[in-house]
Protein backbone atom coordinates (compact mmCIF):
# COMPACT_ATOMS: atom_id res chain seq x y z
CA MET A 1 -3.81 -11.79 -13.71
CA ASP A 2 -4.42 -9.27 -10.97
CA PRO A 3 -1.82 -6.43 -11.32
CA LEU A 4 -1.68 -6.01 -7.54
CA LEU A 5 -0.72 -9.67 -7.05
CA LEU A 6 1.84 -9.45 -9.86
CA ALA A 7 3.40 -6.29 -8.41
CA GLU A 8 3.40 -7.88 -4.96
CA GLU A 9 5.20 -10.98 -6.27
CA ASP A 10 7.70 -8.83 -8.20
CA SER A 11 8.49 -6.64 -5.18
CA TYR A 12 8.58 -9.50 -2.63
CA GLU A 13 10.99 -8.75 0.21
CA GLY A 14 12.22 -5.59 -1.58
CA GLU A 15 14.40 -7.54 -4.05
CA SER A 16 15.41 -5.71 -7.21
CA LEU A 17 13.89 -7.00 -10.43
CA SER A 18 15.71 -7.70 -13.64
CA ASN A 19 15.22 -5.41 -16.61
CA VAL A 20 12.89 -7.87 -18.35
CA GLU A 21 10.78 -8.37 -15.20
CA THR A 22 10.64 -4.61 -14.63
CA VAL A 23 9.47 -3.97 -18.19
CA HIS A 24 6.84 -6.72 -17.88
CA ALA A 25 5.58 -5.36 -14.53
CA LEU A 26 5.45 -1.81 -15.93
CA HIS A 27 3.47 -3.06 -18.93
CA VAL A 28 0.96 -4.83 -16.67
CA LEU A 29 0.66 -1.76 -14.42
CA HIS A 30 0.10 0.52 -17.41
CA VAL A 31 -2.60 -1.82 -18.75
CA ALA A 32 -4.29 -1.85 -15.33
CA LEU A 33 -4.12 1.96 -15.12
CA ASP A 34 -5.63 2.27 -18.60
CA LYS A 35 -8.49 -0.06 -17.61
CA LEU A 36 -9.08 1.84 -14.35
CA GLY A 37 -9.09 5.10 -16.29
CA LEU A 38 -11.64 3.63 -18.71
CA VAL A 39 -13.83 2.49 -15.77
CA GLY A 40 -13.54 5.94 -14.18
CA ALA A 41 -14.53 7.60 -17.46
CA THR A 42 -17.69 5.46 -17.69
CA ARG A 43 -20.66 7.44 -16.36
CA VAL A 44 -23.74 5.71 -14.88
CA ASP A 45 -26.81 7.57 -13.65
CA PRO A 46 -27.05 6.52 -9.96
CA GLN A 47 -30.56 7.96 -9.56
CA LEU A 48 -32.03 5.57 -12.11
CA GLN A 49 -30.34 2.58 -10.47
CA ALA A 50 -31.42 3.75 -7.00
CA ALA A 51 -35.03 4.16 -8.18
CA ALA A 52 -35.05 0.67 -9.72
CA LEU A 53 -33.60 -0.93 -6.60
CA ALA A 54 -35.93 1.00 -4.31
CA GLN A 55 -38.93 -0.11 -6.35
CA SER A 56 -37.86 -3.77 -6.22
CA VAL A 57 -36.92 -4.09 -2.55
CA GLY A 58 -38.57 -1.10 -0.88
CA GLU A 59 -41.79 -2.87 0.13
CA GLU A 60 -39.96 -5.83 1.68
CA ILE A 61 -37.58 -3.62 3.66
CA THR A 62 -40.47 -1.40 4.83
CA GLN A 63 -42.36 -4.46 6.09
CA MET A 64 -39.27 -5.75 7.91
CA LEU A 65 -38.69 -2.34 9.52
CA ALA A 66 -42.31 -2.27 10.72
CA GLU A 67 -41.91 -5.74 12.26
CA GLN A 68 -38.68 -4.61 13.93
CA LYS A 69 -40.43 -1.55 15.35
CA LYS A 70 -43.24 -3.71 16.72
CA LEU A 71 -40.74 -6.12 18.36
CA GLU A 72 -38.82 -3.20 19.87
CA ASP A 73 -41.99 -1.77 21.42
CA GLN A 74 -42.87 -5.19 22.80
CA TYR A 75 -39.35 -5.59 24.24
CA VAL A 76 -39.52 -2.15 25.92
CA ALA A 77 -42.92 -2.98 27.43
CA LEU A 78 -41.69 -6.33 28.81
CA VAL A 79 -38.58 -4.74 30.33
CA ALA A 80 -40.71 -1.99 31.92
CA GLU A 81 -42.89 -4.62 33.65
CA GLN A 82 -39.97 -6.37 35.38
CA PRO A 83 -39.54 -3.96 38.38
CA GLN A 84 -43.20 -4.42 39.35
CA LEU A 85 -43.05 -8.21 38.92
CA ARG A 86 -39.94 -8.49 41.12
CA ASN A 87 -41.88 -7.03 44.06
CA LEU A 88 -44.62 -9.67 43.82
CA PRO A 89 -44.35 -12.77 46.05
CA ASN A 90 -45.27 -15.05 43.15
CA LYS A 91 -42.26 -15.21 40.81
CA ASN A 92 -43.92 -17.25 38.07
CA LYS A 93 -45.04 -14.12 36.21
CA LEU A 94 -41.51 -12.72 36.48
CA TYR A 95 -40.12 -15.93 35.01
CA GLU A 96 -42.66 -15.78 32.20
CA ASN A 97 -41.74 -12.14 31.57
CA GLN A 98 -38.02 -12.99 31.41
CA LYS A 99 -38.74 -15.85 29.02
CA ALA A 100 -40.77 -13.50 26.81
CA VAL A 101 -37.92 -10.94 26.95
CA HIS A 102 -35.42 -13.55 25.77
CA THR A 103 -37.76 -14.71 23.01
CA THR A 104 -38.34 -11.13 21.84
CA ALA A 105 -34.60 -10.38 21.91
CA GLU A 106 -33.91 -13.48 19.81
CA GLN A 107 -36.58 -12.43 17.32
CA LEU A 108 -35.07 -8.94 17.17
CA ARG A 109 -31.61 -10.40 16.51
CA LEU A 110 -32.89 -12.67 13.73
CA GLY A 111 -34.88 -9.82 12.20
CA THR A 112 -31.87 -7.52 12.31
CA GLN A 113 -29.72 -10.15 10.59
CA ALA A 114 -32.36 -10.61 7.87
CA LEU A 115 -32.58 -6.82 7.41
CA VAL A 116 -28.80 -6.54 7.17
CA ARG A 117 -28.71 -9.31 4.56
CA ASN A 118 -31.37 -7.55 2.50
CA LEU A 119 -29.59 -4.21 2.78
CA LYS A 120 -26.31 -5.81 1.74
CA ALA A 121 -28.04 -7.49 -1.18
CA SER A 122 -29.48 -4.10 -2.31
CA PRO A 123 -27.07 -1.34 -1.15
CA GLY A 124 -27.34 2.38 -1.81
CA VAL A 125 -26.11 3.06 -5.35
CA SER A 126 -24.90 6.64 -4.89
CA GLU A 127 -22.90 5.85 -1.74
CA ASN A 128 -21.39 2.72 -3.30
CA MET A 129 -20.50 4.59 -6.50
CA ALA A 130 -18.72 7.26 -4.45
CA LYS A 131 -16.96 4.60 -2.37
CA VAL A 132 -15.91 2.71 -5.51
CA ALA A 133 -14.61 5.95 -7.06
CA VAL A 134 -12.53 6.68 -3.95
CA GLN A 135 -11.15 3.14 -3.87
CA ARG A 136 -10.38 3.31 -7.60
CA GLN A 137 -8.50 6.60 -7.13
CA ALA A 138 -6.55 5.09 -4.23
CA LEU A 139 -5.70 2.07 -6.39
CA GLN A 140 -4.59 4.33 -9.24
CA GLN A 141 -2.36 6.32 -6.88
CA LEU A 142 -0.88 3.09 -5.53
CA LEU A 143 -0.18 1.81 -9.06
CA HIS A 144 1.38 5.18 -9.99
CA HIS A 145 3.66 4.92 -6.94
CA CYS A 146 4.57 1.34 -7.89
CA THR A 147 5.36 2.45 -11.44
CA ALA A 148 7.54 5.32 -10.21
CA GLN A 149 9.43 3.06 -7.79
CA LEU A 150 9.93 0.39 -10.45
CA LEU A 151 11.34 3.02 -12.81
CA VAL A 152 13.69 4.40 -10.14
CA SER A 153 14.89 1.37 -8.16
CA GLN A 154 13.23 -1.67 -9.80
CA THR A 155 11.51 -2.42 -6.46
CA CYS A 156 8.04 -1.71 -5.04
CA PRO A 157 8.12 -1.36 -1.21
CA VAL A 158 4.96 0.79 -1.04
CA LEU A 159 2.86 -2.15 -2.27
CA ALA A 160 4.36 -4.43 0.39
CA GLU A 161 3.53 -1.84 3.09
CA TYR A 162 -0.03 -1.52 1.76
CA VAL A 163 -0.51 -5.33 1.75
CA GLU A 164 0.92 -5.61 5.28
CA GLY A 165 -1.48 -2.90 6.50
CA VAL A 166 -4.47 -4.65 4.89
CA GLU A 167 -3.42 -8.03 6.37
CA LYS A 168 -2.99 -6.45 9.80
CA HIS A 169 -6.45 -4.86 9.60
CA ASP A 170 -7.94 -8.19 8.50
CA LEU A 171 -6.25 -9.97 11.42
CA GLU A 172 -7.61 -7.38 13.89
CA THR A 173 -11.09 -7.72 12.39
CA GLN A 174 -10.91 -11.53 12.61
CA ALA A 175 -9.72 -11.28 16.22
CA THR A 176 -12.66 -8.98 17.08
CA ILE A 177 -15.10 -11.33 15.35
CA GLU A 178 -13.58 -14.28 17.23
CA ARG A 179 -14.01 -12.42 20.55
CA GLU A 180 -17.62 -11.65 19.70
CA ARG A 181 -18.18 -15.28 18.74
CA ILE A 182 -16.69 -16.48 22.02
CA THR A 183 -18.78 -13.95 23.97
CA SER A 184 -21.92 -14.98 22.10
CA ALA A 185 -21.16 -18.64 22.77
CA ALA A 186 -20.69 -17.84 26.47
CA VAL A 187 -24.00 -15.95 26.53
CA LYS A 188 -25.73 -18.86 24.82
CA GLN A 189 -24.18 -21.27 27.29
CA LEU A 190 -25.35 -19.13 30.21
CA LYS A 191 -28.80 -18.95 28.70
CA ALA A 192 -28.82 -22.75 28.41
CA GLU A 193 -27.65 -23.05 32.01
CA ILE A 194 -30.36 -20.63 33.13
CA LYS A 195 -32.90 -22.66 31.19
CA ASP A 196 -31.65 -25.86 32.84
CA GLU A 197 -31.76 -24.19 36.25
CA LYS A 198 -35.28 -23.02 35.58
CA SER A 199 -36.35 -26.49 34.52
CA LYS A 200 -34.70 -27.97 37.63
CA HIS A 201 -36.32 -25.31 39.80
CA GLU A 202 -39.70 -26.01 38.28
CA GLU A 203 -39.17 -29.73 38.84
CA GLN A 204 -38.18 -29.08 42.44
CA MET A 205 -41.17 -26.80 42.94
CA ARG A 206 -43.42 -29.48 41.43
CA ARG A 207 -41.96 -32.09 43.77
CA ALA A 208 -42.22 -29.69 46.66
CA GLY A 209 -45.87 -29.10 45.75
CA GLN A 210 -46.47 -32.81 45.62
CA ALA A 211 -44.73 -33.24 48.98
CA LEU A 212 -46.75 -30.35 50.37
CA ALA A 213 -49.96 -31.94 49.11
CA GLU A 214 -48.96 -35.24 50.69
CA LEU A 215 -48.14 -33.46 53.91
CA ASN A 216 -51.48 -31.68 53.82
CA GLY A 217 -53.16 -35.04 53.38
CA GLN A 218 -51.17 -36.47 56.25
CA GLN A 219 -51.97 -33.39 58.31
CA LYS A 220 -55.66 -33.86 57.66
CA ALA A 221 -55.30 -37.54 58.55
CA VAL A 222 -53.57 -36.89 61.84
CA ALA A 223 -55.32 -33.59 62.64
CA LEU A 224 -57.23 -35.22 65.41
CA GLY A 225 -54.13 -37.02 66.77
CA GLY A 226 -51.69 -34.12 67.06
CA SER A 227 -52.31 -30.57 65.86
CA SER A 228 -48.99 -29.33 67.25
CA LYS A 229 -47.05 -32.04 65.42
CA ALA A 230 -48.84 -31.16 62.17
CA ARG A 231 -48.09 -27.46 62.62
CA TYR A 232 -44.47 -28.28 63.29
CA ARG A 233 -44.27 -30.46 60.20
CA GLU A 234 -45.96 -27.77 58.11
CA ALA A 235 -43.59 -25.14 59.44
CA GLN A 236 -40.63 -27.41 58.71
CA VAL A 237 -41.79 -28.08 55.16
CA GLY A 238 -42.48 -24.36 54.61
CA ALA A 239 -39.05 -23.47 55.94
CA ALA A 240 -37.43 -26.05 53.68
CA ASN A 241 -39.36 -24.73 50.69
CA GLU A 242 -38.48 -21.13 51.59
CA CYS A 243 -34.82 -22.06 51.97
CA ALA A 244 -34.80 -23.85 48.61
CA ARG A 245 -36.57 -20.88 47.02
CA ARG A 246 -34.03 -18.45 48.46
CA LEU A 247 -31.11 -20.57 47.25
CA GLU A 248 -32.61 -20.77 43.78
CA ASN A 249 -33.29 -17.03 43.74
CA ASN A 250 -29.72 -16.38 44.81
CA GLY A 251 -28.44 -18.68 42.04
CA LEU A 252 -30.69 -16.97 39.51
CA SER A 253 -29.54 -13.52 40.65
CA GLU A 254 -25.91 -14.58 40.30
CA LEU A 255 -26.56 -15.92 36.81
CA GLN A 256 -28.38 -12.72 35.88
CA ASP A 257 -25.43 -10.70 37.17
CA GLN A 258 -23.11 -12.82 35.05
CA ILE A 259 -25.35 -12.25 32.03
CA ALA A 260 -25.34 -8.51 32.69
CA ALA A 261 -21.54 -8.55 33.00
CA LEU A 262 -21.21 -10.50 29.75
CA GLN A 263 -23.61 -8.13 27.99
CA GLN A 264 -21.60 -5.17 29.29
CA GLN A 265 -18.40 -6.83 28.06
CA LEU A 266 -20.07 -7.44 24.69
CA GLU A 267 -21.10 -3.77 24.50
CA ILE A 268 -17.54 -2.72 25.39
CA ASP A 269 -16.16 -4.98 22.65
CA GLN A 270 -18.65 -3.53 20.17
CA GLN A 271 -17.65 0.01 21.18
CA VAL A 272 -13.99 -0.92 20.80
CA GLN A 273 -14.71 -2.41 17.38
CA GLU A 274 -16.62 0.73 16.33
CA ALA A 275 -13.80 2.93 17.62
CA GLY A 276 -11.25 0.79 15.79
CA SER A 277 -13.30 0.94 12.61
CA ALA A 278 -13.65 4.73 12.91
CA TYR A 279 -9.93 5.05 13.52
CA SER A 280 -9.19 2.78 10.57
CA GLN A 281 -11.44 4.88 8.32
CA LYS A 282 -9.77 8.04 9.60
CA VAL A 283 -6.33 6.60 8.94
CA GLN A 284 -7.39 5.47 5.48
CA ALA A 285 -8.74 8.96 4.71
CA TRP A 286 -5.50 10.51 5.94
CA LEU A 287 -3.49 8.05 3.86
CA ARG A 288 -5.58 8.89 0.80
CA GLU A 289 -4.97 12.61 1.35
CA GLU A 290 -1.27 12.00 1.87
CA THR A 291 -1.16 9.82 -1.24
CA LEU A 292 -2.85 12.49 -3.34
CA GLU A 293 -0.58 15.20 -1.95
CA TRP A 294 2.58 13.21 -2.46
CA GLY A 295 1.37 12.16 -5.89
CA SER A 296 0.94 15.83 -6.90
CA ARG A 297 4.35 16.64 -5.46
CA ILE A 298 5.95 13.76 -7.32
CA ASP A 299 4.27 14.84 -10.56
CA ALA A 300 5.51 18.40 -10.06
CA ASP A 301 9.04 17.22 -9.24
CA VAL A 302 9.03 14.86 -12.22
CA ALA A 303 7.88 17.69 -14.51
CA ALA A 304 10.60 20.01 -13.13
CA LYS A 305 13.25 17.32 -13.49
CA GLU A 306 12.11 16.57 -17.01
CA LYS A 307 12.33 20.26 -17.83
CA ASP A 308 15.84 20.44 -16.32
CA THR A 309 16.78 17.28 -18.21
CA GLU A 310 15.54 18.78 -21.46
CA ALA A 311 17.56 21.94 -20.78
CA VAL A 312 20.64 19.84 -20.02
CA LYS A 313 20.10 17.86 -23.21
CA GLN A 314 19.81 21.07 -25.25
CA GLU A 315 22.94 22.45 -23.57
CA ARG A 316 24.73 19.17 -24.30
CA GLN A 317 23.60 19.34 -27.94
CA ARG A 318 24.97 22.89 -28.21
CA ASP A 319 28.19 21.78 -26.54
CA LEU A 320 28.47 18.84 -28.94
CA ILE A 321 28.04 21.23 -31.90
CA LYS A 322 30.67 23.55 -30.45
CA LEU A 323 32.95 20.59 -29.79
CA LYS A 324 32.50 19.41 -33.37
CA ASP A 325 33.31 22.92 -34.67
CA MET A 326 36.33 23.15 -32.39
CA LYS A 327 37.50 19.70 -33.53
CA GLU A 328 37.16 20.77 -37.15
CA LYS A 329 39.06 23.99 -36.42
CA HIS A 330 41.68 22.06 -34.51
CA GLU A 331 42.08 19.55 -37.32
CA LYS A 332 42.30 22.40 -39.84
CA GLU A 333 44.83 24.25 -37.70
CA THR A 334 46.74 21.01 -37.19
CA SER A 335 46.83 20.35 -40.93
CA LEU A 336 47.86 23.95 -41.62
CA LYS A 337 50.53 23.76 -38.93
CA ALA A 338 51.76 20.47 -40.39
CA GLU A 339 51.94 22.12 -43.83
CA ARG A 340 53.74 25.13 -42.40
CA ASP A 341 56.14 22.87 -40.51
CA SER A 342 56.71 20.82 -43.66
CA MET A 343 57.35 23.97 -45.71
CA ALA A 344 59.62 25.36 -43.01
CA LYS A 345 61.47 22.06 -42.86
CA ASP A 346 61.79 21.98 -46.65
CA ALA A 347 63.03 25.60 -46.63
CA ALA A 348 65.49 24.76 -43.84
CA ASP A 349 66.65 21.69 -45.77
CA ARG A 350 67.10 23.81 -48.91
CA GLU A 351 68.86 26.49 -46.91
CA ALA A 352 71.14 23.87 -45.36
CA ALA A 353 71.81 22.36 -48.78
CA ASP A 354 72.54 25.83 -50.19
CA GLN A 355 74.79 26.55 -47.24
CA ILE A 356 76.65 23.28 -47.73
CA LEU A 357 76.91 24.06 -51.47
CA ARG A 358 78.20 27.56 -50.73
CA GLU A 359 80.64 26.17 -48.22
CA LYS A 360 81.79 23.56 -50.77
CA GLN A 361 82.06 26.25 -53.43
CA ALA A 362 83.97 28.50 -51.06
CA ALA A 363 86.25 25.59 -50.11
CA ALA A 364 86.73 24.73 -53.76
CA ALA A 365 87.47 28.36 -54.58
CA LEU A 366 89.96 28.54 -51.72
CA ARG A 367 91.55 25.31 -52.86
CA ILE A 368 91.75 26.55 -56.45
CA GLN A 369 93.21 29.83 -55.26
CA ALA A 370 95.67 27.99 -53.05
CA VAL A 371 96.71 25.74 -55.91
CA TRP A 372 97.00 28.65 -58.21
CA ARG A 373 99.00 30.66 -55.79
CA GLY A 374 101.25 27.67 -55.15
CA TYR A 375 101.70 27.25 -58.79
CA LEU A 376 102.58 30.89 -59.16
CA ALA A 377 104.91 30.65 -56.22
CA ARG A 378 106.69 27.66 -57.75
CA HIS A 379 107.02 29.14 -61.19
CA GLY A 380 108.01 32.58 -60.00
CA GLY A 381 105.18 34.49 -61.42
CA LYS A 382 105.79 33.43 -65.03
CA GLY A 383 102.64 32.11 -65.48
CA LYS A 384 101.19 35.42 -66.53
CA GLY A 385 102.76 35.34 -69.88
CA LYS A 386 102.81 31.70 -70.40
CA GLY A 387 100.43 31.74 -73.19
CA LYS A 388 102.19 34.42 -75.05
CA GLY A 389 105.62 32.82 -74.43
CA LYS A 390 104.46 29.63 -75.90
CA MET A 391 103.08 31.36 -78.82
CA ALA A 392 106.33 33.26 -79.18
CA LYS A 393 108.40 30.20 -78.84
CA LYS A 394 106.61 28.25 -81.50
CA PRO A 395 108.02 30.24 -84.44
CA SER A 396 111.48 29.96 -82.96
CA LYS A 397 111.11 26.20 -82.84
CA LYS A 398 110.16 26.22 -86.51
CA LYS A 399 113.21 28.27 -87.36
CA LYS A 400 115.40 25.79 -85.65
């Protein structure tokens, strides 16, 4: 499938493509670019091809050019004779000259068409190779632009603009060709009308000659009966013939003026077409230059952006490494802090337990002291020798 048609269908009306369609279009565009690159890398010696073509068709083209030169000289000679023939009273030679001019012009046109066909069938190799190289470079630039736009926005508006420009140029060319065809048809119609008028004029002149011959016969027959009447009739017939001749000459002059106007209009249309073609070539050259310039700019910008992207990626990698180290340090610090908090909590719990134990011991000691003191207060301080008294009393109990 043609990659241009595929890209045009994918970018129709500027709609965004899906990821699968974009990948497929990019694959097709890359394949086309590879093939164009392979064609551009192929080297052909244009001199050998030009020599072969010149040897095969050179003699035929030379013969056709000689015939064209001969017809041109004949046409110039016939046109140069017309001013002298117009001054002559007998217009038959002028009519014959005009007929020969038309015949020579038709032969020139047919010969030119045959020469153009031969030249198109065997063009100049070096010029065509250069033209093909330029068109291939333009196509590669267009495909590069399409690829870049598909990668960025999944659309390809530059291809749609290019296709619209080509279609517009084709429409203008077709319109110019149609105008030339209409003008040529009008010229042919006028030529047919002139031919019909000439045939009618010749028929009228033949009839007038026959009438004149009859009148001459009648004049000879009645010459003895009335010379004045014969002269009057002859003058009347001559005046009628002169009037008819003048009317026909006026009609022919008007038709010739119309032909001249149509030829001038045809020349103007041809000049307009040539100017339009020159302008189109100039615009195409400018577009090629702009495409190359913008392509180089895009490549430079893409390279710079890729370099910046690579720097950003490296910076991100370094940041990720730092972040990983910081996370590890944070986790380590968190674990150490948790251990310290746990140890501090355990120490605080032990301290609180020791404090509670000391408080309980102090309370117990105070209670014991209070009990002891109460006991001493109740027994009047005898408790100091209680042990000894008991020991002393025991023998006395035995004595009793």
